[in-house]
Amino acid sequence: MFNIILLGITSLLTDISSEMVYPILPVFLITVLGASPAILGLIEGIAESSASLLKVFSGYFSDKIKLRKPFTIIGYAGSTFGKLFLYISQSWGMVLCGRVIDRFGKGVRTAPRDALIAESAKEGKRGAAFGLHRAMDTLGATAGVAIAYFLVTRFKGPLRDVFLFSLIPAFLGVLVLFFVREKKAQENPASSKRLEFRWRALDKRLKLFLVFTFIFTLGNSSNQFLLLRAKNLGSPLAQVILFYLVYNIVYALVAYPASRLSDKIGRKKLLVLGYFFYGLVYLGFALNKSLNMFWVLFGVYGLYIGFTEGVEKALVADIAPVNLRATAIGLHATFVGIGLLPASLLAGLLWKFLGAAAPFYFGGILGIAASIGLWFILRGV
C-alpha cells in the first residue's frame, strides 16, 4: 500500500501539471500560433502513437531486468522536460516536439509503473489498487484544471506562462518517486528461463481484447477535440476549462469505487457499460447545439473513463502471464497508442471536410459497437 500511495502522489502532482496545460493547448495552438484542427489532430496523433510504441518495449525490458523504479523515474522526468518545450514554443512544430517528449516519458513509465502497482497490491485487491491510483491521478487532474481556470480568469497573463507554472508540480512528482521501495523479484521457474514474448502463448481472451481495443481506438480521437467542439460552438475559454473540470471531478469520484467493484462482480460488466457511455457521449457531442448540455456530456464522459481505465489495467494484469505482466500491460498501451495516430488524424480530416460533428458520429458508432463486442469477447471475466 505504501508504494501505491507514493505512486498515486506522483501521478497526482504530474496530473496537476499536465492538466494545467491540456485544456488550454488547443486554444493556444489555434488562436496564438494559428494552427488548424487538422494540425491539432496531427500533433496529438504523432505524440500519442510514437510514444506509445515505447510502452511495450519499456515493459519488456522492465520484465527482463526485473526492475520497475528506474523506468518510472526516467519516464516522469521526461514528461517534465517536455513541458519546458511548450513554454518556449513559437510555432506548432515546437509544440509537437514538446508533446512528443512528454508522451515519450509516459511511454517509458506506464507499463513498469503499472506492474509495480500490480505487484504491490494484495491478492484479490488489484482492481482496488489500480482504482486508488487512478482516483489520485484524477484528483490531481481536477486540481490542475482548477488552477488553469484561476490563472486564465484571475492572473490573465499570456497563456504560455501557464506552461511555466506547470513545471513546479511536475518536478515535485519526480522527487516523490525516490521514496518508492521496490521489492526484489522472487525467483520462479518462469524467471529462470530466458524471457521470451510470444503472441500465440497469450490467453485467447487477452489477444481478442487487445485487437478489439485497437479497433475501438480508431474512433477514439484526442480529448482535445471535445474541448475544441465546445469552443467551436461558442463557449469562452474559461467555460471550456470548467467543462473539463466537471469531467475530471466525475472521473475522480468514480475511478476507485468502480475498479474496486470490478474485484467483486468481474471486469466485463463495467467495461461494457463504460464503452456504452462513450458511444452515447460522442453521439451527444455530434448532435448537441446547446452550451448548457456540455455540462452533462463532459460528466457522462467522466463515467466512461472511470468505468474503464483502471479496470482495463487490472484485467490485463489478471490475464497476463506473471513473468510477462509489464510486457502485456505495455502491449495494451501500445495497441491503444498506435490507434491514436490514425484516430486523431481521421478526426481532424473529418472535421475539416465533413463538418465538426462528423468525427463524433464516427466515434459514437464505434463506441456502441465496442460495448456489444466486449460482452462476447470477455466471457468468464
Protein backbone atom coordinates (compact mmCIF):
# COMPACT_ATOMS: atom_id res chain seq x y z
CA MET A 1 0.00 0.00 0.00
CA PHE A 2 2.95 2.34 0.73
CA ASN A 3 4.15 2.11 -2.88
CA ILE A 4 0.65 2.55 -4.28
CA ILE A 5 0.12 5.74 -2.26
CA LEU A 6 3.52 7.17 -3.29
CA LEU A 7 2.88 6.35 -6.93
CA GLY A 8 -0.55 7.93 -6.54
CA ILE A 9 1.02 11.11 -5.13
CA THR A 10 3.43 11.26 -8.08
CA SER A 11 0.58 10.83 -10.53
CA LEU A 12 -1.45 13.44 -8.63
CA LEU A 13 1.35 16.01 -8.90
CA THR A 14 2.12 15.12 -12.51
CA ASP A 15 -1.52 15.41 -13.49
CA ILE A 16 -1.79 18.79 -11.78
CA SER A 17 1.00 19.81 -14.13
CA SER A 18 -0.43 18.12 -17.25
CA GLU A 19 -3.99 19.31 -16.79
CA MET A 20 -2.90 22.89 -16.20
CA VAL A 21 -1.69 22.68 -19.80
CA TYR A 22 -4.08 20.31 -21.55
CA PRO A 23 -7.36 22.30 -21.72
CA ILE A 24 -5.67 25.47 -22.98
CA LEU A 25 -3.36 23.79 -25.51
CA PRO A 26 -5.87 23.55 -28.42
CA VAL A 27 -6.83 27.21 -27.91
CA PHE A 28 -3.15 28.20 -27.69
CA LEU A 29 -2.39 26.34 -30.91
CA ILE A 30 -5.27 27.78 -32.90
CA THR A 31 -5.57 31.35 -31.56
CA VAL A 32 -1.93 32.13 -30.69
CA LEU A 33 0.07 30.01 -33.13
CA GLY A 34 -2.50 29.96 -35.95
CA ALA A 35 -2.73 26.17 -36.34
CA SER A 36 -5.82 24.37 -37.71
CA PRO A 37 -7.89 21.45 -36.30
CA ALA A 38 -6.08 19.18 -38.77
CA ILE A 39 -2.72 20.26 -37.31
CA LEU A 40 -4.08 19.64 -33.81
CA GLY A 41 -5.00 16.11 -34.88
CA LEU A 42 -1.56 15.60 -36.42
CA ILE A 43 0.24 16.75 -33.27
CA GLU A 44 -1.86 14.65 -30.90
CA GLY A 45 -1.77 11.60 -33.16
CA ILE A 46 2.01 11.66 -33.64
CA ALA A 47 2.69 12.41 -29.97
CA GLU A 48 0.45 9.66 -28.60
CA SER A 49 1.29 6.99 -31.15
CA SER A 50 5.05 7.42 -31.40
CA ALA A 51 5.44 7.45 -27.63
CA SER A 52 3.09 4.50 -27.15
CA LEU A 53 5.38 2.30 -29.22
CA LEU A 54 7.77 2.52 -26.28
CA LYS A 55 5.29 1.12 -23.78
CA VAL A 56 5.63 -2.50 -24.81
CA PHE A 57 9.43 -2.21 -25.01
CA SER A 58 9.80 -0.50 -21.63
CA GLY A 59 7.53 -3.17 -20.17
CA TYR A 60 9.57 -5.94 -21.79
CA PHE A 61 12.91 -4.61 -20.55
CA SER A 62 11.42 -4.00 -17.11
CA ASP A 63 10.44 -7.68 -17.01
CA LYS A 64 13.84 -8.69 -18.37
CA ILE A 65 15.95 -6.89 -15.76
CA LYS A 66 13.25 -7.27 -13.07
CA LEU A 67 13.24 -3.57 -12.18
CA ARG A 68 10.36 -1.07 -12.34
CA LYS A 69 11.51 2.02 -10.44
CA PRO A 70 14.28 3.32 -12.77
CA PHE A 71 11.95 3.28 -15.79
CA THR A 72 9.28 5.07 -13.77
CA ILE A 73 11.66 7.86 -12.68
CA ILE A 74 13.06 8.38 -16.19
CA GLY A 75 9.55 8.48 -17.65
CA TYR A 76 8.19 11.09 -15.27
CA ALA A 77 11.35 13.20 -15.68
CA GLY A 78 10.89 13.12 -19.47
CA SER A 79 7.34 14.42 -19.20
CA THR A 80 8.58 17.30 -17.04
CA PHE A 81 11.18 18.23 -19.66
CA GLY A 82 8.57 18.14 -22.44
CA LYS A 83 6.54 20.90 -20.79
CA LEU A 84 9.54 23.22 -21.00
CA PHE A 85 9.29 22.99 -24.80
CA LEU A 86 5.69 24.15 -24.66
CA TYR A 87 6.75 27.27 -22.77
CA ILE A 88 9.40 28.27 -25.32
CA SER A 89 7.35 27.29 -28.40
CA GLN A 90 6.92 29.87 -31.15
CA SER A 91 5.41 27.51 -33.75
CA TRP A 92 3.27 24.38 -33.83
CA GLY A 93 6.43 22.41 -34.63
CA MET A 94 7.84 23.25 -31.20
CA VAL A 95 4.55 22.24 -29.61
CA LEU A 96 4.83 18.93 -31.45
CA CYS A 97 8.35 18.43 -30.03
CA GLY A 98 7.12 19.19 -26.52
CA ARG A 99 4.17 16.83 -26.82
CA VAL A 100 6.35 14.02 -28.23
CA ILE A 101 8.87 14.37 -25.38
CA ASP A 102 6.05 14.48 -22.83
CA ARG A 103 4.41 11.37 -24.29
CA PHE A 104 7.84 9.71 -24.65
CA GLY A 105 8.11 9.96 -20.88
CA LYS A 106 4.68 8.43 -20.46
CA GLY A 107 5.64 5.65 -22.85
CA VAL A 108 8.70 4.77 -20.77
CA ARG A 109 6.97 4.84 -17.38
CA THR A 110 3.48 3.43 -17.89
CA ALA A 111 4.00 -0.34 -18.06
CA PRO A 112 6.72 -0.59 -15.36
CA ARG A 113 4.71 1.68 -13.03
CA ASP A 114 1.51 -0.33 -13.54
CA ALA A 115 3.39 -3.58 -12.99
CA LEU A 116 4.76 -2.10 -9.76
CA ILE A 117 1.21 -1.27 -8.67
CA ALA A 118 0.03 -4.79 -9.51
CA GLU A 119 2.90 -6.35 -7.58
CA SER A 120 2.39 -4.05 -4.58
CA ALA A 121 -1.31 -4.91 -4.28
CA LYS A 122 -2.67 -7.64 -2.01
CA GLU A 123 -4.18 -10.71 -3.61
CA GLY A 124 -7.74 -10.07 -4.72
CA LYS A 125 -7.31 -6.28 -4.34
CA ARG A 126 -5.69 -5.47 -7.66
CA GLY A 127 -8.71 -3.65 -9.03
CA ALA A 128 -8.89 -1.53 -5.88
CA ALA A 129 -5.17 -0.73 -6.15
CA PHE A 130 -5.47 0.48 -9.72
CA GLY A 131 -8.66 2.32 -8.85
CA LEU A 132 -6.99 4.14 -5.95
CA HIS A 133 -4.11 5.13 -8.19
CA ARG A 134 -6.47 6.37 -10.91
CA ALA A 135 -8.51 8.29 -8.33
CA MET A 136 -5.42 10.09 -7.01
CA ASP A 137 -4.25 10.70 -10.57
CA THR A 138 -7.59 12.24 -11.47
CA LEU A 139 -7.76 14.25 -8.25
CA GLY A 140 -4.54 15.86 -9.46
CA ALA A 141 -6.09 16.41 -12.87
CA THR A 142 -9.05 18.11 -11.23
CA ALA A 143 -6.76 20.38 -9.24
CA GLY A 144 -4.73 21.14 -12.36
CA VAL A 145 -7.80 22.19 -14.34
CA ALA A 146 -8.96 24.35 -11.41
CA ILE A 147 -5.55 26.05 -11.28
CA ALA A 148 -5.66 26.62 -15.05
CA TYR A 149 -9.08 28.24 -14.66
CA PHE A 150 -7.77 30.50 -11.90
CA LEU A 151 -4.72 31.54 -13.95
CA VAL A 152 -6.79 32.25 -17.08
CA THR A 153 -9.51 34.24 -15.29
CA ARG A 154 -7.56 35.99 -12.49
CA PHE A 155 -3.89 36.04 -13.45
CA LYS A 156 -4.71 36.94 -17.07
CA GLY A 157 -1.13 36.70 -18.25
CA PRO A 158 -0.01 35.12 -21.54
CA LEU A 159 -1.24 31.55 -21.96
CA ARG A 160 2.33 30.29 -22.25
CA ASP A 161 3.02 31.38 -18.64
CA VAL A 162 0.71 28.58 -17.52
CA PHE A 163 3.17 26.15 -19.12
CA LEU A 164 5.97 27.59 -16.96
CA PHE A 165 3.98 27.29 -13.72
CA SER A 166 3.13 23.67 -14.62
CA LEU A 167 6.79 22.67 -14.24
CA ILE A 168 6.65 23.08 -10.43
CA PRO A 169 4.30 20.16 -9.55
CA ALA A 170 5.86 18.03 -12.30
CA PHE A 171 9.31 18.37 -10.69
CA LEU A 172 7.93 17.59 -7.20
CA GLY A 173 6.26 14.44 -8.59
CA VAL A 174 9.62 13.11 -9.79
CA LEU A 175 11.17 13.71 -6.35
CA VAL A 176 8.48 11.62 -4.60
CA LEU A 177 9.43 8.56 -6.70
CA PHE A 178 12.80 8.25 -5.00
CA PHE A 179 10.99 7.11 -1.83
CA VAL A 180 9.28 4.16 -3.58
CA ARG A 181 10.51 0.80 -2.30
CA GLU A 182 10.92 -1.80 -4.97
CA LYS A 183 10.99 -5.42 -3.86
CA LYS A 184 13.44 -7.73 -5.47
CA ALA A 185 11.65 -10.08 -7.85
CA GLN A 186 11.24 -13.58 -6.42
CA GLU A 187 12.73 -16.38 -8.45
CA ASN A 188 10.27 -18.74 -10.06
CA PRO A 189 10.53 -21.34 -12.82
CA ALA A 190 9.46 -18.80 -15.43
CA SER A 191 12.02 -16.19 -14.40
CA SER A 192 14.91 -18.67 -14.52
CA LYS A 193 14.42 -19.10 -18.26
CA ARG A 194 15.34 -16.62 -20.96
CA LEU A 195 12.46 -14.16 -21.21
CA GLU A 196 10.59 -14.55 -24.49
CA PHE A 197 7.44 -12.88 -25.68
CA ARG A 198 5.19 -14.95 -27.92
CA TRP A 199 1.83 -13.69 -29.12
CA ARG A 200 0.42 -17.20 -29.51
CA ALA A 201 1.25 -18.01 -25.87
CA LEU A 202 -1.11 -15.30 -24.57
CA ASP A 203 -4.57 -16.12 -23.26
CA LYS A 204 -7.12 -16.07 -26.12
CA ARG A 205 -9.31 -13.55 -24.30
CA LEU A 206 -6.33 -11.23 -23.84
CA LYS A 207 -5.44 -11.41 -27.54
CA LEU A 208 -9.02 -10.70 -28.58
CA PHE A 209 -9.25 -7.84 -26.09
CA LEU A 210 -6.03 -6.27 -27.41
CA VAL A 211 -7.16 -6.47 -31.03
CA PHE A 212 -10.61 -5.19 -30.18
CA THR A 213 -9.11 -2.30 -28.19
CA PHE A 214 -7.08 -1.28 -31.23
CA ILE A 215 -10.15 -1.25 -33.48
CA PHE A 216 -12.14 0.80 -30.98
CA THR A 217 -9.28 3.28 -30.62
CA LEU A 218 -9.61 4.21 -34.29
CA GLY A 219 -12.75 6.13 -33.31
CA ASN A 220 -11.33 7.43 -30.02
CA SER A 221 -9.62 10.67 -31.03
CA SER A 222 -7.82 13.01 -28.65
CA ASN A 223 -9.91 14.59 -25.89
CA GLN A 224 -8.78 17.93 -27.25
CA PHE A 225 -11.39 17.58 -29.99
CA LEU A 226 -14.07 17.55 -27.28
CA LEU A 227 -12.67 20.81 -25.91
CA LEU A 228 -12.42 22.28 -29.39
CA ARG A 229 -16.03 21.28 -30.11
CA ALA A 230 -17.21 23.21 -27.03
CA LYS A 231 -15.10 26.22 -28.04
CA ASN A 232 -16.29 25.97 -31.65
CA LEU A 233 -19.93 26.25 -30.56
CA GLY A 234 -19.27 29.50 -28.70
CA SER A 235 -18.02 28.58 -25.22
CA PRO A 236 -15.44 31.06 -23.84
CA LEU A 237 -12.09 29.54 -22.82
CA ALA A 238 -12.88 29.82 -19.09
CA GLN A 239 -16.10 27.84 -19.58
CA VAL A 240 -14.31 25.20 -21.69
CA ILE A 241 -11.90 24.72 -18.79
CA LEU A 242 -14.84 24.30 -16.39
CA PHE A 243 -16.42 21.68 -18.68
CA TYR A 244 -13.15 19.78 -18.50
CA LEU A 245 -13.13 20.23 -14.71
CA VAL A 246 -16.55 18.53 -14.48
CA TYR A 247 -15.19 15.58 -16.49
CA ASN A 248 -12.24 15.21 -14.12
CA ILE A 249 -14.37 15.51 -10.97
CA VAL A 250 -16.69 12.72 -12.14
CA TYR A 251 -13.72 10.60 -13.18
CA ALA A 252 -12.05 11.10 -9.77
CA LEU A 253 -15.24 10.16 -7.89
CA VAL A 254 -15.95 7.05 -9.97
CA ALA A 255 -12.48 5.55 -10.63
CA TYR A 256 -11.81 3.95 -7.25
CA PRO A 257 -15.29 2.55 -6.42
CA ALA A 258 -15.71 1.25 -9.98
CA SER A 259 -12.36 -0.54 -10.02
CA ARG A 260 -12.96 -1.91 -6.51
CA LEU A 261 -16.40 -3.12 -7.60
CA SER A 262 -14.76 -4.97 -10.50
CA ASP A 263 -12.90 -7.12 -7.93
CA LYS A 264 -16.30 -8.36 -6.76
CA ILE A 265 -18.51 -8.57 -9.86
CA GLY A 266 -15.88 -9.04 -12.57
CA ARG A 267 -14.33 -6.66 -15.08
CA LYS A 268 -16.63 -7.28 -18.05
CA LYS A 269 -19.83 -5.61 -16.85
CA LEU A 270 -18.12 -2.33 -16.02
CA LEU A 271 -16.15 -2.27 -19.28
CA VAL A 272 -19.27 -2.91 -21.35
CA LEU A 273 -21.13 -0.15 -19.51
CA GLY A 274 -18.19 2.24 -19.85
CA TYR A 275 -17.88 1.77 -23.61
CA PHE A 276 -21.63 2.22 -23.97
CA PHE A 277 -21.38 5.57 -22.15
CA TYR A 278 -18.58 6.53 -24.52
CA GLY A 279 -20.76 5.87 -27.56
CA LEU A 280 -23.65 7.89 -26.12
CA VAL A 281 -21.39 10.83 -25.24
CA TYR A 282 -19.82 11.04 -28.69
CA LEU A 283 -23.21 10.94 -30.35
CA GLY A 284 -24.23 13.67 -27.93
CA PHE A 285 -21.26 15.82 -28.97
CA ALA A 286 -22.27 15.33 -32.61
CA LEU A 287 -25.92 16.34 -32.07
CA ASN A 288 -25.58 18.97 -29.34
CA LYS A 289 -26.17 22.67 -30.10
CA SER A 290 -26.67 23.90 -26.52
CA LEU A 291 -23.76 25.14 -24.41
CA ASN A 292 -25.51 24.07 -21.20
CA MET A 293 -25.72 20.47 -22.43
CA PHE A 294 -21.93 20.26 -22.39
CA TRP A 295 -22.06 20.11 -18.57
CA VAL A 296 -23.91 16.78 -18.86
CA LEU A 297 -21.85 15.43 -21.74
CA PHE A 298 -18.50 16.04 -20.06
CA GLY A 299 -19.89 14.50 -16.85
CA VAL A 300 -21.00 11.31 -18.61
CA TYR A 301 -17.66 11.18 -20.41
CA GLY A 302 -16.08 11.08 -16.94
CA LEU A 303 -18.18 7.99 -16.20
CA TYR A 304 -16.77 6.27 -19.30
CA ILE A 305 -13.16 6.86 -18.21
CA GLY A 306 -13.91 5.98 -14.58
CA PHE A 307 -15.54 2.67 -15.54
CA THR A 308 -12.81 1.59 -17.97
CA GLU A 309 -9.28 2.88 -17.40
CA GLY A 310 -8.36 1.27 -14.08
CA VAL A 311 -10.49 -1.79 -14.82
CA GLU A 312 -8.72 -2.39 -18.15
CA LYS A 313 -5.32 -2.32 -16.46
CA ALA A 314 -6.49 -4.76 -13.80
CA LEU A 315 -7.95 -7.03 -16.49
CA VAL A 316 -4.68 -7.20 -18.42
CA ALA A 317 -2.71 -7.80 -15.21
CA ASP A 318 -5.13 -10.63 -14.29
CA ILE A 319 -4.91 -12.48 -17.60
CA ALA A 320 -1.24 -11.88 -18.48
CA PRO A 321 1.47 -14.44 -17.61
CA VAL A 322 3.15 -13.36 -14.36
CA ASN A 323 6.64 -13.15 -15.88
CA LEU A 324 5.31 -11.02 -18.76
CA ARG A 325 2.96 -8.78 -16.79
CA ALA A 326 4.70 -5.47 -17.59
CA THR A 327 5.13 -6.56 -21.21
CA ALA A 328 1.40 -7.30 -21.55
CA ILE A 329 0.42 -4.03 -19.87
CA GLY A 330 2.78 -2.21 -22.21
CA LEU A 331 1.40 -4.09 -25.22
CA HIS A 332 -2.13 -2.98 -24.34
CA ALA A 333 -0.96 0.64 -24.05
CA THR A 334 0.90 0.32 -27.35
CA PHE A 335 -2.17 -1.01 -29.18
CA VAL A 336 -4.12 1.98 -27.87
CA GLY A 337 -1.34 4.39 -28.80
CA ILE A 338 -0.87 3.08 -32.32
CA GLY A 339 -4.58 3.55 -32.94
CA LEU A 340 -4.47 7.15 -31.71
CA LEU A 341 -2.43 8.41 -34.69
CA PRO A 342 -4.95 7.45 -37.38
CA ALA A 343 -7.80 8.25 -34.95
CA SER A 344 -6.72 11.84 -34.35
CA LEU A 345 -5.69 12.37 -37.97
CA LEU A 346 -9.03 10.99 -39.14
CA ALA A 347 -10.91 13.18 -36.65
CA GLY A 348 -9.11 16.27 -37.92
CA LEU A 349 -9.83 15.39 -41.56
CA LEU A 350 -13.47 14.51 -40.88
CA TRP A 351 -13.86 17.84 -39.08
CA LYS A 352 -12.28 19.72 -41.97
CA PHE A 353 -14.08 18.07 -44.88
CA LEU A 354 -17.41 16.82 -43.44
CA GLY A 355 -18.01 19.24 -40.60
CA ALA A 356 -17.38 19.45 -36.85
CA ALA A 357 -19.99 16.77 -35.98
CA ALA A 358 -18.53 14.07 -38.26
CA PRO A 359 -15.73 12.73 -36.00
CA PHE A 360 -18.21 12.41 -33.12
CA TYR A 361 -20.74 10.42 -35.16
CA PHE A 362 -17.92 8.08 -36.16
CA GLY A 363 -16.65 7.68 -32.58
CA GLY A 364 -20.16 7.21 -31.19
CA ILE A 365 -20.99 4.37 -33.54
CA LEU A 366 -17.68 2.61 -32.79
CA GLY A 367 -18.20 3.04 -29.04
CA ILE A 368 -21.62 1.38 -29.02
CA ALA A 369 -20.31 -1.40 -31.28
CA ALA A 370 -17.40 -1.89 -28.85
CA SER A 371 -19.71 -2.31 -25.85
CA ILE A 372 -21.61 -5.05 -27.69
CA GLY A 373 -18.44 -6.77 -28.88
CA LEU A 374 -16.82 -6.80 -25.45
CA TRP A 375 -19.78 -8.65 -23.99
CA PHE A 376 -18.97 -11.64 -26.21
CA ILE A 377 -15.18 -11.38 -26.10
CA LEU A 378 -14.73 -11.24 -22.32
CA ARG A 379 -16.53 -14.43 -21.39
CA GLY A 380 -15.71 -15.59 -17.90
CA VAL A 381 -14.11 -12.28 -16.88
